[in-house]
Structure formats: C-alpha cells, structure tokens
Protein backbone atom coordinates (compact mmCIF):
# COMPACT_ATOMS: atom_id res chain seq x y z
CA UNK A 1 -8.88 -17.58 -11.99
CA UNK A 2 -9.27 -16.44 -8.28
CA UNK A 3 -11.94 -14.25 -7.35
CA UNK A 4 -9.71 -11.41 -7.15
CA UNK A 5 -8.32 -11.83 -10.39
CA UNK A 6 -11.37 -11.83 -11.98
CA UNK A 7 -12.71 -8.68 -10.29
CA UNK A 8 -9.19 -6.78 -10.93
CA UNK A 9 -10.17 -7.72 -14.30
CA UNK A 10 -13.33 -6.48 -14.40
CA UNK A 11 -12.27 -3.23 -13.06
CA UNK A 12 -9.47 -3.17 -15.60
CA UNK A 13 -12.00 -3.47 -18.49
CA UNK A 14 -14.35 -0.64 -16.58
CA UNK A 15 -11.50 1.63 -16.55
CA UNK A 16 -11.28 0.86 -20.32
CA UNK A 17 -14.65 1.63 -21.18
CA UNK A 18 -16.76 4.46 -21.71
CA UNK A 19 -19.74 3.59 -19.30
CA UNK A 20 -20.45 5.08 -16.03
CA UNK A 21 -19.93 2.78 -13.04
CA UNK A 22 -23.66 2.14 -12.58
CA UNK A 23 -23.89 1.30 -16.24
CA UNK A 24 -21.10 -1.26 -16.49
CA UNK A 25 -22.32 -3.16 -13.20
CA UNK A 26 -26.02 -3.25 -14.79
CA UNK A 27 -24.40 -4.90 -17.92
CA UNK A 28 -22.23 -7.13 -16.41
CA UNK A 29 -24.71 -8.35 -13.52
CA UNK A 30 -22.64 -7.22 -10.54
CA UNK A 31 -23.80 -5.18 -7.58
CA UNK A 32 -22.37 -1.79 -7.22
CA UNK A 33 -21.33 -2.10 -3.70
CA UNK A 34 -19.50 -5.33 -4.54
CA UNK A 35 -17.94 -3.61 -7.90
CA UNK A 36 -16.61 -0.56 -5.23
CA UNK A 37 -15.28 -2.65 -2.52
CA UNK A 38 -13.15 -4.50 -5.34
CA UNK A 39 -12.23 -0.98 -6.65
CA UNK A 40 -10.90 0.24 -3.68
CA UNK A 41 -9.20 -2.69 -2.52
CA UNK A 42 -7.44 -2.97 -6.18
CA UNK A 43 -6.44 1.15 -5.63
CA UNK A 44 -5.08 0.36 -2.16
CA UNK A 45 -3.18 -2.32 -3.35
CA UNK A 46 -1.65 -0.57 -6.00
CA UNK A 47 -0.82 2.63 -4.19
CA UNK A 48 2.55 3.01 -2.93
CA UNK A 49 2.93 2.18 1.04
CA UNK A 50 0.11 -0.30 0.84
CA UNK A 51 0.02 -2.36 3.84
CA UNK A 52 0.86 0.59 6.35
CA UNK A 53 4.79 0.52 5.16
CA UNK A 54 6.44 2.69 3.50
CA UNK A 55 9.56 2.53 1.68
CA UNK A 56 12.47 4.55 3.46
CA UNK A 57 16.23 5.64 2.90
CA UNK A 58 18.81 4.31 5.70
CA UNK A 59 21.61 6.16 5.90
CA UNK A 60 24.56 4.88 8.52
CA UNK A 61 26.25 7.90 9.44
CA UNK A 62 30.18 8.38 10.57
CA UNK A 63 29.59 7.99 14.33
CA UNK A 64 27.47 4.72 13.33
CA UNK A 65 24.04 5.80 14.24
CA UNK A 66 21.63 5.15 11.66
CA UNK A 67 19.62 7.79 10.26
CA UNK A 68 16.08 6.98 8.61
CA UNK A 69 15.05 9.75 6.01
CA UNK A 70 11.34 9.57 5.17
CA UNK A 71 10.05 10.19 1.99
CA UNK A 72 8.08 13.09 3.29
CA UNK A 73 11.61 14.72 4.45
CA UNK A 74 11.18 13.54 8.05
CA UNK A 75 14.68 12.63 9.81
CA UNK A 76 14.62 9.71 12.52
CA UNK A 77 18.41 9.67 13.79
CA UNK A 78 18.96 6.68 15.76
CA UNK A 79 21.94 6.14 17.94
CA UNK A 80 24.15 3.07 17.74
CA UNK A 81 24.09 2.53 21.66
CA UNK A 82 20.17 2.41 21.18
CA UNK A 83 20.06 -0.86 18.59
CA UNK A 84 19.79 -3.75 21.02
CA UNK A 85 16.80 -1.76 22.99
CA UNK A 86 14.98 -1.17 19.58
CA UNK A 87 15.66 -4.24 18.22
CA UNK A 88 13.70 -5.63 21.55
CA UNK A 89 11.05 -3.26 21.05
CA UNK A 90 10.49 -4.24 17.27
CA UNK A 91 10.26 -8.17 18.58
CA UNK A 92 7.30 -6.93 20.74
CA UNK A 93 4.95 -6.64 17.63
C-alpha cells in the first residue's frame, strides 16, 4: 500500500468516526499537519476540475467554427480560419 493510499484510507476512517481531527490524529499517532496535508490533497483530487482543467462542451457551428461552452455559461467561439494559429499556440505550452 502506497503512502497516498494509506493516508486516504486513514482520512476515510476519520470521516466515518465520531472523533474530531485532533483526537483522531492523537489516537492514530499522526501529526496533525501531515493529516491536514493529505486531507486537503484528497479533497483536491476528488473535486471536479482538479489539475486546473475543467470539463467543457464543444459544439461545431454550421459555419465550421468551434464554440466552447464552459460550465459557468461562458461561450468561446473560435473561427475555423483560426484553428492553425490556435494549434500552434497550444503547442507552445
């Protein structure tokens, strides 16, 4: 079992316990700062858009352009004539 798996299992155990974090850490012999580090890491991994990416819904419009609709309702329309330039820009990163 990796350290990550071990700590995530410990966090799951904590969430199913009736103890507060301080008492749980004391009982398990875990340093609270370590526990909170892994708890935050687990929460980030389980939240949508983790890693800085979010899910988007692309639509191809009749004129061949691409419209990206973000979850918050923002729409980004990319003209087909711009695709080669956009492709080059994306490769820079």
